[in-house]
Amino acid sequence: EVPLVLKQGELYVSAAFAGALGAVIARLFTNDPLVVLGICAALTWALRAGSLAFGWRLPVYHARPPRN
């Protein structure tokens, strides 16, 4: 079976990326590492928990058969 992290459409890596991006943006406005960490953790947790609780998914690419 495929691990949950690698399943198509799951908000796992995307939530981590959004949290990291939030940390970078927060760092532009404050030098307090606890504030940056809090924003990163809250954003990542909110996206991941929302995806589990509400079934949020990313769109999945489906290739079309080639035309002849």
C-alpha atoms as a PDB file:
ATOM      1  CA  GLU A   1       0.000   0.000   0.000  1.00  0.00           C
ATOM      2  CA  VAL A   2       1.157   3.537  -0.775  1.00  0.00           C
ATOM      3  CA  PRO A   3       2.053   5.656   2.293  1.00  0.00           C
ATOM      4  CA  LEU A   4      -0.330   8.534   3.036  1.00  0.00           C
ATOM      5  CA  VAL A   5       2.439  11.056   2.360  1.00  0.00           C
ATOM      6  CA  LEU A   6       2.823   9.863  -1.223  1.00  0.00           C
ATOM      7  CA  LYS A   7      -0.838   9.517  -2.191  1.00  0.00           C
ATOM      8  CA  GLN A   8      -1.911  11.795  -5.001  1.00  0.00           C
ATOM      9  CA  GLY A   9      -4.101  14.690  -3.986  1.00  0.00           C
ATOM     10  CA  GLU A  10      -3.101  14.643  -0.305  1.00  0.00           C
ATOM     11  CA  LEU A  11      -2.263  17.967   1.340  1.00  0.00           C
ATOM     12  CA  TYR A  12       0.904  16.885   3.097  1.00  0.00           C
ATOM     13  CA  VAL A  13       3.919  18.252   1.288  1.00  0.00           C
ATOM     14  CA  SER A  14       1.887  21.263   0.154  1.00  0.00           C
ATOM     15  CA  ALA A  15       1.006  22.080   3.765  1.00  0.00           C
ATOM     16  CA  ALA A  16       4.668  21.823   4.749  1.00  0.00           C
ATOM     17  CA  PHE A  17       5.663  24.079   1.857  1.00  0.00           C
ATOM     18  CA  ALA A  18       2.988  26.632   2.799  1.00  0.00           C
ATOM     19  CA  GLY A  19       4.235  26.612   6.397  1.00  0.00           C
ATOM     20  CA  ALA A  20       7.811  27.159   5.254  1.00  0.00           C
ATOM     21  CA  LEU A  21       6.709  29.988   2.986  1.00  0.00           C
ATOM     22  CA  GLY A  22       4.793  31.496   5.900  1.00  0.00           C
ATOM     23  CA  ALA A  23       7.957  31.341   7.995  1.00  0.00           C
ATOM     24  CA  VAL A  24       9.969  33.118   5.303  1.00  0.00           C
ATOM     25  CA  ILE A  25       7.355  35.855   4.983  1.00  0.00           C
ATOM     26  CA  ALA A  26       7.029  36.195   8.773  1.00  0.00           C
ATOM     27  CA  ARG A  27      10.809  36.528   9.012  1.00  0.00           C
ATOM     28  CA  LEU A  28      10.597  39.617   6.804  1.00  0.00           C
ATOM     29  CA  PHE A  29       8.453  41.321   9.448  1.00  0.00           C
ATOM     30  CA  THR A  30       9.926  40.089  12.730  1.00  0.00           C
ATOM     31  CA  ASN A  31      13.175  38.759  14.129  1.00  0.00           C
ATOM     32  CA  ASP A  32      11.490  36.890  16.985  1.00  0.00           C
ATOM     33  CA  PRO A  33      12.036  33.172  16.295  1.00  0.00           C
ATOM     34  CA  LEU A  34       9.065  32.133  18.449  1.00  0.00           C
ATOM     35  CA  VAL A  35       6.693  34.254  16.378  1.00  0.00           C
ATOM     36  CA  VAL A  36       8.111  32.831  13.153  1.00  0.00           C
ATOM     37  CA  LEU A  37       7.866  29.288  14.519  1.00  0.00           C
ATOM     38  CA  GLY A  38       4.304  29.891  15.700  1.00  0.00           C
ATOM     39  CA  ILE A  39       3.182  31.176  12.310  1.00  0.00           C
ATOM     40  CA  CYS A  40       4.875  28.288  10.519  1.00  0.00           C
ATOM     41  CA  ALA A  41       3.384  25.678  12.850  1.00  0.00           C
ATOM     42  CA  ALA A  42      -0.103  27.207  12.858  1.00  0.00           C
ATOM     43  CA  LEU A  43      -0.276  27.475   9.084  1.00  0.00           C
ATOM     44  CA  THR A  44       1.019  23.950   8.527  1.00  0.00           C
ATOM     45  CA  TRP A  45      -1.275  22.482  11.171  1.00  0.00           C
ATOM     46  CA  ALA A  46      -4.347  24.362   9.910  1.00  0.00           C
ATOM     47  CA  LEU A  47      -3.873  23.149   6.338  1.00  0.00           C
ATOM     48  CA  ARG A  48      -3.100  19.560   7.292  1.00  0.00           C
ATOM     49  CA  ALA A  49      -5.853  19.304   9.915  1.00  0.00           C
ATOM     50  CA  GLY A  50      -8.320  20.907   7.519  1.00  0.00           C
ATOM     51  CA  SER A  51      -7.425  18.412   4.821  1.00  0.00           C
ATOM     52  CA  LEU A  52      -8.049  15.523   7.196  1.00  0.00           C
ATOM     53  CA  ALA A  53     -11.196  16.940   8.799  1.00  0.00           C
ATOM     54  CA  PHE A  54     -12.887  18.357   5.705  1.00  0.00           C
ATOM     55  CA  GLY A  55     -11.450  16.159   2.966  1.00  0.00           C
ATOM     56  CA  TRP A  56      -9.545  18.929   1.187  1.00  0.00           C
ATOM     57  CA  ARG A  57      -7.589  17.491  -1.727  1.00  0.00           C
ATOM     58  CA  LEU A  58      -5.362  18.794  -4.481  1.00  0.00           C
ATOM     59  CA  PRO A  59      -6.391  18.265  -8.086  1.00  0.00           C
ATOM     60  CA  VAL A  60      -4.829  15.184  -9.662  1.00  0.00           C
ATOM     61  CA  TYR A  61      -3.506  15.134 -13.211  1.00  0.00           C
ATOM     62  CA  HIS A  62      -5.007  12.486 -15.482  1.00  0.00           C
ATOM     63  CA  ALA A  63      -3.217  11.988 -18.785  1.00  0.00           C
ATOM     64  CA  ARG A  64      -5.336  11.785 -21.897  1.00  0.00           C
ATOM     65  CA  PRO A  65      -4.803   8.941 -24.335  1.00  0.00           C
ATOM     66  CA  PRO A  66      -2.776   9.999 -27.389  1.00  0.00           C
ATOM     67  CA  ARG A  67      -4.669  11.088 -30.495  1.00  0.00           C
ATOM     68  CA  ASN A  68      -4.106   9.216 -33.723  1.00  0.00           C
END
